[in-house]
């Protein structure tokens, strides 16, 4: 992963973690609400979203477009807050 991709991934992780903390979500509580709204997701998904930078190196990337939209809606934020 180059420096720009690494910085972008680190920014994503930091912002998502901060937003979840501001809204008093633990991984478990966020997952519960996410599953109630969207009918899917696992603890592993939440964990992966919070450490996406390490996954880019292994050929994986950010959540899908639909999942990103779901995360934004679940957190009740505007997209630019996360990116």
Protein backbone atom coordinates (compact mmCIF):
# COMPACT_ATOMS: atom_id res chain seq x y z
CA UNK A 1 0.00 0.00 0.00
CA UNK A 2 1.41 3.40 -0.90
CA UNK A 3 1.50 6.33 1.54
CA UNK A 4 -1.61 8.01 0.12
CA UNK A 5 -3.69 4.83 0.36
CA UNK A 6 -2.37 4.20 3.86
CA UNK A 7 -3.22 7.75 4.98
CA UNK A 8 -6.69 7.53 3.44
CA UNK A 9 -7.34 4.20 5.15
CA UNK A 10 -6.08 5.53 8.48
CA UNK A 11 -8.33 8.58 8.14
CA UNK A 12 -11.35 6.32 7.44
CA UNK A 13 -10.58 4.16 10.49
CA UNK A 14 -10.07 7.15 12.77
CA UNK A 15 -13.25 8.89 11.64
CA UNK A 16 -15.42 5.79 11.92
CA UNK A 17 -14.03 5.01 15.37
CA UNK A 18 -14.56 8.62 16.51
CA UNK A 19 -18.13 8.73 15.17
CA UNK A 20 -19.03 5.47 16.87
CA UNK A 21 -17.55 6.72 20.13
CA UNK A 22 -19.38 10.09 19.87
CA UNK A 23 -22.65 8.22 19.40
CA UNK A 24 -21.85 5.89 22.32
CA UNK A 25 -21.66 2.77 20.14
CA UNK A 26 -19.60 -0.23 20.94
CA UNK A 27 -19.00 -2.67 18.12
CA UNK A 28 -21.70 -4.87 19.63
CA UNK A 29 -24.32 -2.12 20.01
CA UNK A 30 -23.66 -0.74 16.53
CA UNK A 31 -23.96 -4.23 15.07
CA UNK A 32 -27.29 -4.76 16.83
CA UNK A 33 -28.76 -1.57 15.39
CA UNK A 34 -27.22 -2.19 11.97
CA UNK A 35 -28.69 -5.71 11.82
CA UNK A 36 -32.12 -4.44 12.89
CA UNK A 37 -32.12 -1.87 10.09
CA UNK A 38 -30.39 -3.79 7.30
CA UNK A 39 -30.79 -7.44 8.23
CA UNK A 40 -27.15 -8.40 8.00
CA UNK A 41 -23.67 -7.93 9.31
CA UNK A 42 -21.37 -9.64 11.77
CA UNK A 43 -18.98 -8.65 14.52
CA UNK A 44 -16.18 -9.45 12.06
CA UNK A 45 -17.63 -6.89 9.61
CA UNK A 46 -17.58 -4.12 12.22
CA UNK A 47 -14.06 -5.03 13.26
CA UNK A 48 -12.90 -5.08 9.63
CA UNK A 49 -14.47 -1.65 8.98
CA UNK A 50 -12.54 -0.25 11.94
CA UNK A 51 -9.22 -1.56 10.62
CA UNK A 52 -9.72 -1.32 6.88
CA UNK A 53 -6.17 -0.09 6.25
CA UNK A 54 -4.60 -3.40 7.18
CA UNK A 55 -6.99 -5.19 4.83
CA UNK A 56 -6.05 -3.10 1.80
CA UNK A 57 -2.62 -4.68 1.96
CA UNK A 58 -4.23 -8.12 1.74
CA UNK A 59 -6.26 -7.30 -1.37
CA UNK A 60 -9.43 -6.23 0.41
CA UNK A 61 -10.74 -2.74 0.53
CA UNK A 62 -13.46 -0.56 1.97
CA UNK A 63 -17.03 -1.78 2.45
CA UNK A 64 -19.22 -1.93 -0.64
CA UNK A 65 -21.05 1.18 -1.79
CA UNK A 66 -24.33 -0.13 -0.35
CA UNK A 67 -22.70 -0.94 2.98
CA UNK A 68 -21.10 2.51 3.11
CA UNK A 69 -24.53 4.07 2.56
CA UNK A 70 -25.95 1.86 5.31
CA UNK A 71 -23.17 2.86 7.73
CA UNK A 72 -23.77 6.55 6.97
CA UNK A 73 -27.52 6.17 7.53
CA UNK A 74 -27.05 4.10 10.69
CA UNK A 75 -24.74 6.77 12.14
CA UNK A 76 -27.13 9.51 10.98
CA UNK A 77 -24.35 11.54 9.38
CA UNK A 78 -23.63 13.23 6.07
CA UNK A 79 -21.23 11.31 3.81
CA UNK A 80 -18.57 14.02 3.93
CA UNK A 81 -18.22 13.54 7.68
CA UNK A 82 -16.87 10.05 7.14
CA UNK A 83 -14.69 10.82 4.12
